[in-house]
Amino acid sequence: MDQIIQIGGSVLVLIAFGLAQLGMLDHKSRRYLLLNTVGSGVLAVDALFGAQWGFLLLEGVWSIISAISLVGVLLRGRPGSDADSGMTPGHDENAPSGEWEAGITPTR
């Protein structure tokens, strides 16, 4: 059963990471932060019960930071906002005004 829980948590974190790297999900979006919060939270709880202290530190801190960011987005954001769309306004000086580009940033 432990392995299923670990795989489930890992899959959530990896889905967020993979979609962010492909430019399909912004690292500040609700979806990304929710996947990271839940996935790393599950892994942190599993590490606690397994007395895996290094893993607990990594996943616990990751989950706390993701949760704080998620709360911030939820308090500031609204449905359809940039933070929820997975896209961020383009910053290319040569791009016509109003164009969008994928928000690809190195993330976990």
N, C-alpha and C. Protein backbone atom coordinates (compact mmCIF):
# COMPACT_ATOMS: atom_id res chain seq x y z
N MET A 1 0.82 -1.20 0.00
CA MET A 1 0.00 0.00 0.00
C MET A 1 0.86 1.27 0.00
N ASP A 2 1.99 1.22 0.75
CA ASP A 2 2.89 2.38 0.79
C ASP A 2 3.36 2.76 -0.61
N GLN A 3 3.66 1.77 -1.41
CA GLN A 3 4.17 2.03 -2.75
C GLN A 3 3.12 2.74 -3.61
N ILE A 4 1.87 2.36 -3.46
CA ILE A 4 0.80 2.98 -4.24
C ILE A 4 0.67 4.45 -3.84
N ILE A 5 0.74 4.73 -2.54
CA ILE A 5 0.64 6.11 -2.06
C ILE A 5 1.82 6.93 -2.57
N GLN A 6 3.03 6.37 -2.50
CA GLN A 6 4.21 7.08 -2.99
C GLN A 6 4.13 7.33 -4.49
N ILE A 7 3.69 6.36 -5.23
CA ILE A 7 3.57 6.53 -6.68
C ILE A 7 2.50 7.58 -7.00
N GLY A 8 1.38 7.56 -6.29
CA GLY A 8 0.32 8.54 -6.51
C GLY A 8 0.81 9.96 -6.26
N GLY A 9 1.48 10.19 -5.13
CA GLY A 9 2.03 11.52 -4.83
C GLY A 9 3.06 11.95 -5.84
N SER A 10 3.92 11.02 -6.22
CA SER A 10 4.96 11.33 -7.20
C SER A 10 4.37 11.69 -8.56
N VAL A 11 3.34 10.96 -8.96
CA VAL A 11 2.70 11.22 -10.25
C VAL A 11 2.10 12.63 -10.28
N LEU A 12 1.49 13.05 -9.19
CA LEU A 12 0.92 14.40 -9.15
C LEU A 12 1.99 15.47 -9.33
N VAL A 13 3.11 15.32 -8.61
CA VAL A 13 4.21 16.29 -8.73
C VAL A 13 4.80 16.25 -10.14
N LEU A 14 4.97 15.06 -10.69
CA LEU A 14 5.56 14.94 -12.01
C LEU A 14 4.64 15.45 -13.12
N ILE A 15 3.34 15.30 -12.96
CA ILE A 15 2.40 15.86 -13.94
C ILE A 15 2.54 17.38 -13.97
N ALA A 16 2.58 18.00 -12.78
CA ALA A 16 2.73 19.45 -12.72
C ALA A 16 4.05 19.88 -13.37
N PHE A 17 5.12 19.21 -13.03
CA PHE A 17 6.43 19.54 -13.59
C PHE A 17 6.45 19.37 -15.11
N GLY A 18 5.96 18.23 -15.58
CA GLY A 18 5.97 17.96 -17.02
C GLY A 18 5.15 18.96 -17.81
N LEU A 19 3.96 19.26 -17.34
CA LEU A 19 3.11 20.23 -18.04
C LEU A 19 3.72 21.63 -18.02
N ALA A 20 4.37 21.98 -16.92
CA ALA A 20 5.04 23.30 -16.86
C ALA A 20 6.20 23.35 -17.84
N GLN A 21 6.96 22.29 -17.93
CA GLN A 21 8.10 22.26 -18.84
C GLN A 21 7.67 22.29 -20.31
N LEU A 22 6.52 21.74 -20.59
CA LEU A 22 5.99 21.75 -21.95
C LEU A 22 5.25 23.04 -22.29
N GLY A 23 5.16 23.94 -21.33
CA GLY A 23 4.48 25.21 -21.55
C GLY A 23 2.98 25.10 -21.52
N MET A 24 2.47 24.00 -20.98
CA MET A 24 1.03 23.79 -20.94
C MET A 24 0.41 24.23 -19.61
N LEU A 25 1.26 24.56 -18.63
CA LEU A 25 0.78 24.93 -17.31
C LEU A 25 1.76 25.92 -16.71
N ASP A 26 1.26 27.06 -16.27
CA ASP A 26 2.10 28.07 -15.65
C ASP A 26 2.42 27.66 -14.22
N HIS A 27 3.65 27.89 -13.78
CA HIS A 27 4.05 27.48 -12.44
C HIS A 27 3.39 28.30 -11.33
N LYS A 28 2.64 29.32 -11.70
CA LYS A 28 1.90 30.09 -10.70
C LYS A 28 0.39 29.84 -10.80
N SER A 29 0.00 28.89 -11.62
CA SER A 29 -1.44 28.61 -11.78
C SER A 29 -1.98 27.80 -10.62
N ARG A 30 -3.27 27.89 -10.43
CA ARG A 30 -3.93 27.12 -9.37
C ARG A 30 -3.70 25.63 -9.56
N ARG A 31 -3.83 25.18 -10.78
CA ARG A 31 -3.68 23.74 -11.06
C ARG A 31 -2.28 23.25 -10.69
N TYR A 32 -1.27 23.99 -11.12
CA TYR A 32 0.11 23.60 -10.83
C TYR A 32 0.35 23.55 -9.33
N LEU A 33 -0.06 24.61 -8.64
CA LEU A 33 0.17 24.69 -7.20
C LEU A 33 -0.62 23.63 -6.44
N LEU A 34 -1.84 23.34 -6.89
CA LEU A 34 -2.64 22.30 -6.25
C LEU A 34 -2.00 20.93 -6.42
N LEU A 35 -1.56 20.63 -7.64
CA LEU A 35 -0.89 19.34 -7.88
C LEU A 35 0.35 19.20 -7.01
N ASN A 36 1.14 20.26 -6.91
CA ASN A 36 2.35 20.22 -6.09
C ASN A 36 2.02 20.11 -4.60
N THR A 37 1.03 20.87 -4.14
CA THR A 37 0.67 20.85 -2.72
C THR A 37 0.19 19.46 -2.31
N VAL A 38 -0.72 18.89 -3.08
CA VAL A 38 -1.27 17.58 -2.73
C VAL A 38 -0.21 16.49 -2.90
N GLY A 39 0.48 16.49 -4.03
CA GLY A 39 1.48 15.45 -4.29
C GLY A 39 2.59 15.44 -3.26
N SER A 40 3.17 16.60 -3.00
CA SER A 40 4.26 16.65 -2.04
C SER A 40 3.75 16.45 -0.61
N GLY A 41 2.51 16.87 -0.33
CA GLY A 41 1.92 16.63 0.98
C GLY A 41 1.74 15.14 1.25
N VAL A 42 1.25 14.41 0.27
CA VAL A 42 1.10 12.96 0.40
C VAL A 42 2.46 12.32 0.66
N LEU A 43 3.47 12.73 -0.10
CA LEU A 43 4.81 12.17 0.08
C LEU A 43 5.39 12.53 1.44
N ALA A 44 5.12 13.74 1.93
CA ALA A 44 5.62 14.16 3.24
C ALA A 44 5.00 13.32 4.35
N VAL A 45 3.69 13.11 4.29
CA VAL A 45 3.02 12.30 5.32
C VAL A 45 3.56 10.87 5.29
N ASP A 46 3.74 10.33 4.10
CA ASP A 46 4.30 8.98 3.98
C ASP A 46 5.71 8.92 4.56
N ALA A 47 6.51 9.94 4.31
CA ALA A 47 7.87 9.99 4.85
C ALA A 47 7.85 10.10 6.38
N LEU A 48 6.88 10.82 6.92
CA LEU A 48 6.76 10.94 8.37
C LEU A 48 6.51 9.57 9.01
N PHE A 49 5.56 8.85 8.45
CA PHE A 49 5.23 7.53 9.00
C PHE A 49 6.37 6.53 8.80
N GLY A 50 7.19 6.75 7.77
CA GLY A 50 8.32 5.86 7.52
C GLY A 50 9.61 6.33 8.18
N ALA A 51 9.55 7.41 8.95
CA ALA A 51 10.73 7.98 9.63
C ALA A 51 11.86 8.26 8.64
N GLN A 52 11.50 8.77 7.46
CA GLN A 52 12.48 9.13 6.44
C GLN A 52 12.66 10.65 6.53
N TRP A 53 13.54 11.09 7.40
CA TRP A 53 13.63 12.49 7.79
C TRP A 53 14.09 13.41 6.66
N GLY A 54 15.05 13.00 5.88
CA GLY A 54 15.49 13.84 4.76
C GLY A 54 14.39 14.04 3.73
N PHE A 55 13.69 12.96 3.43
CA PHE A 55 12.58 13.02 2.49
C PHE A 55 11.43 13.85 3.05
N LEU A 56 11.19 13.72 4.36
CA LEU A 56 10.16 14.53 5.02
C LEU A 56 10.51 16.01 4.93
N LEU A 57 11.76 16.35 5.16
CA LEU A 57 12.19 17.74 5.06
C LEU A 57 11.94 18.28 3.65
N LEU A 58 12.38 17.55 2.65
CA LEU A 58 12.22 17.98 1.25
C LEU A 58 10.75 18.15 0.89
N GLU A 59 9.97 17.12 1.09
CA GLU A 59 8.57 17.14 0.66
C GLU A 59 7.71 18.02 1.55
N GLY A 60 8.02 18.06 2.85
CA GLY A 60 7.26 18.91 3.76
C GLY A 60 7.42 20.38 3.41
N VAL A 61 8.67 20.81 3.20
CA VAL A 61 8.92 22.20 2.83
C VAL A 61 8.32 22.50 1.47
N TRP A 62 8.44 21.57 0.53
CA TRP A 62 7.88 21.77 -0.81
C TRP A 62 6.36 21.95 -0.72
N SER A 63 5.71 21.14 0.09
CA SER A 63 4.27 21.23 0.23
C SER A 63 3.84 22.53 0.91
N ILE A 64 4.57 22.94 1.94
CA ILE A 64 4.24 24.18 2.64
C ILE A 64 4.38 25.39 1.72
N ILE A 65 5.48 25.44 0.98
CA ILE A 65 5.69 26.57 0.06
C ILE A 65 4.62 26.58 -1.03
N SER A 66 4.30 25.41 -1.56
CA SER A 66 3.25 25.33 -2.59
C SER A 66 1.91 25.75 -2.03
N ALA A 67 1.60 25.33 -0.80
CA ALA A 67 0.32 25.68 -0.19
C ALA A 67 0.22 27.18 0.07
N ILE A 68 1.30 27.79 0.54
CA ILE A 68 1.30 29.24 0.76
C ILE A 68 1.09 29.97 -0.55
N SER A 69 1.76 29.53 -1.61
CA SER A 69 1.59 30.15 -2.92
C SER A 69 0.17 29.96 -3.44
N LEU A 70 -0.39 28.78 -3.22
CA LEU A 70 -1.76 28.50 -3.66
C LEU A 70 -2.75 29.42 -2.94
N VAL A 71 -2.59 29.58 -1.66
CA VAL A 71 -3.48 30.48 -0.90
C VAL A 71 -3.36 31.90 -1.44
N GLY A 72 -2.13 32.33 -1.72
CA GLY A 72 -1.93 33.67 -2.28
C GLY A 72 -2.64 33.85 -3.61
N VAL A 73 -2.55 32.85 -4.48
CA VAL A 73 -3.21 32.92 -5.78
C VAL A 73 -4.73 32.91 -5.59
N LEU A 74 -5.22 32.10 -4.69
CA LEU A 74 -6.67 32.04 -4.46
C LEU A 74 -7.20 33.35 -3.90
N LEU A 75 -6.44 34.00 -3.03
CA LEU A 75 -6.89 35.26 -2.45
C LEU A 75 -6.84 36.40 -3.46
N ARG A 76 -5.85 36.39 -4.35
CA ARG A 76 -5.70 37.46 -5.34
C ARG A 76 -6.43 37.16 -6.63
N GLY A 77 -6.52 35.88 -6.99
CA GLY A 77 -7.01 35.50 -8.30
C GLY A 77 -8.51 35.44 -8.40
N ARG A 78 -8.96 35.20 -9.59
CA ARG A 78 -10.37 35.00 -9.89
C ARG A 78 -10.43 34.10 -11.11
N PRO A 79 -11.52 33.38 -11.32
CA PRO A 79 -11.63 32.50 -12.48
C PRO A 79 -11.34 33.25 -13.77
N GLY A 80 -10.52 32.64 -14.60
CA GLY A 80 -10.17 33.26 -15.88
C GLY A 80 -9.00 34.21 -15.79
N SER A 81 -8.39 34.36 -14.61
CA SER A 81 -7.25 35.26 -14.47
C SER A 81 -6.02 34.64 -15.09
N ASP A 82 -4.99 35.45 -15.32
CA ASP A 82 -3.74 34.96 -15.89
C ASP A 82 -3.16 33.82 -15.08
N ALA A 83 -3.23 33.91 -13.76
CA ALA A 83 -2.65 32.89 -12.89
C ALA A 83 -3.35 31.55 -13.05
N ASP A 84 -4.59 31.53 -13.49
CA ASP A 84 -5.33 30.29 -13.64
C ASP A 84 -5.28 29.74 -15.06
N SER A 85 -4.95 30.58 -16.02
CA SER A 85 -5.04 30.16 -17.41
C SER A 85 -3.89 29.29 -17.86
N GLY A 86 -2.77 29.32 -17.14
CA GLY A 86 -1.61 28.58 -17.58
C GLY A 86 -0.77 29.38 -18.55
N MET A 87 -1.16 30.60 -18.85
CA MET A 87 -0.43 31.45 -19.78
C MET A 87 -0.10 32.76 -19.07
N THR A 88 0.98 33.36 -19.48
CA THR A 88 1.35 34.65 -18.90
C THR A 88 1.53 35.64 -20.02
N PRO A 89 1.30 36.93 -19.76
CA PRO A 89 1.48 37.92 -20.81
C PRO A 89 2.90 37.90 -21.35
N GLY A 90 3.03 38.03 -22.66
CA GLY A 90 4.34 38.03 -23.28
C GLY A 90 5.13 39.28 -22.91
N HIS A 91 6.43 39.11 -22.81
CA HIS A 91 7.30 40.22 -22.48
C HIS A 91 8.25 40.53 -23.63
N ASP A 92 7.98 40.00 -24.79
CA ASP A 92 8.81 40.22 -25.96
C ASP A 92 8.58 41.64 -26.47
N GLU A 93 9.65 42.42 -26.52
CA GLU A 93 9.54 43.82 -26.96
C GLU A 93 9.04 43.91 -28.41
N ASN A 94 9.33 42.88 -29.23
CA ASN A 94 8.97 42.91 -30.65
C ASN A 94 7.56 42.37 -30.92
N ALA A 95 6.96 41.75 -29.92
CA ALA A 95 5.64 41.16 -30.13
C ALA A 95 4.57 42.25 -30.13
N PRO A 96 3.57 42.10 -31.01
CA PRO A 96 2.47 43.07 -31.00
C PRO A 96 1.77 43.05 -29.65
N SER A 97 1.22 44.17 -29.25
CA SER A 97 0.55 44.30 -27.96
C SER A 97 -0.59 43.29 -27.86
N GLY A 98 -0.70 42.66 -26.69
CA GLY A 98 -1.79 41.72 -26.45
C GLY A 98 -1.47 40.28 -26.78
N GLU A 99 -0.31 39.99 -27.37
CA GLU A 99 0.04 38.61 -27.67
C GLU A 99 0.42 37.88 -26.39
N TRP A 100 0.24 36.58 -26.42
CA TRP A 100 0.55 35.75 -25.26
C TRP A 100 1.62 34.75 -25.64
N GLU A 101 2.42 34.36 -24.65
CA GLU A 101 3.40 33.30 -24.85
C GLU A 101 3.30 32.34 -23.68
N ALA A 102 3.74 31.13 -23.91
CA ALA A 102 3.70 30.14 -22.84
C ALA A 102 4.63 30.56 -21.72
N GLY A 103 4.19 30.39 -20.49
CA GLY A 103 5.01 30.73 -19.32
C GLY A 103 5.90 29.57 -18.94
N ILE A 104 6.99 29.36 -19.66
CA ILE A 104 7.88 28.24 -19.40
C ILE A 104 9.02 28.72 -18.51
N THR A 105 9.11 28.13 -17.32
CA THR A 105 10.18 28.45 -16.41
C THR A 105 10.69 27.16 -15.81
N PRO A 106 11.97 27.13 -15.44
CA PRO A 106 12.47 25.92 -14.79
C PRO A 106 11.80 25.73 -13.44
N THR A 107 11.08 24.67 -13.28
CA THR A 107 10.40 24.36 -12.03
C THR A 107 10.62 22.91 -11.73
N ARG A 108 10.22 22.54 -10.56
CA ARG A 108 10.38 21.15 -10.17
C ARG A 108 9.53 20.28 -11.03
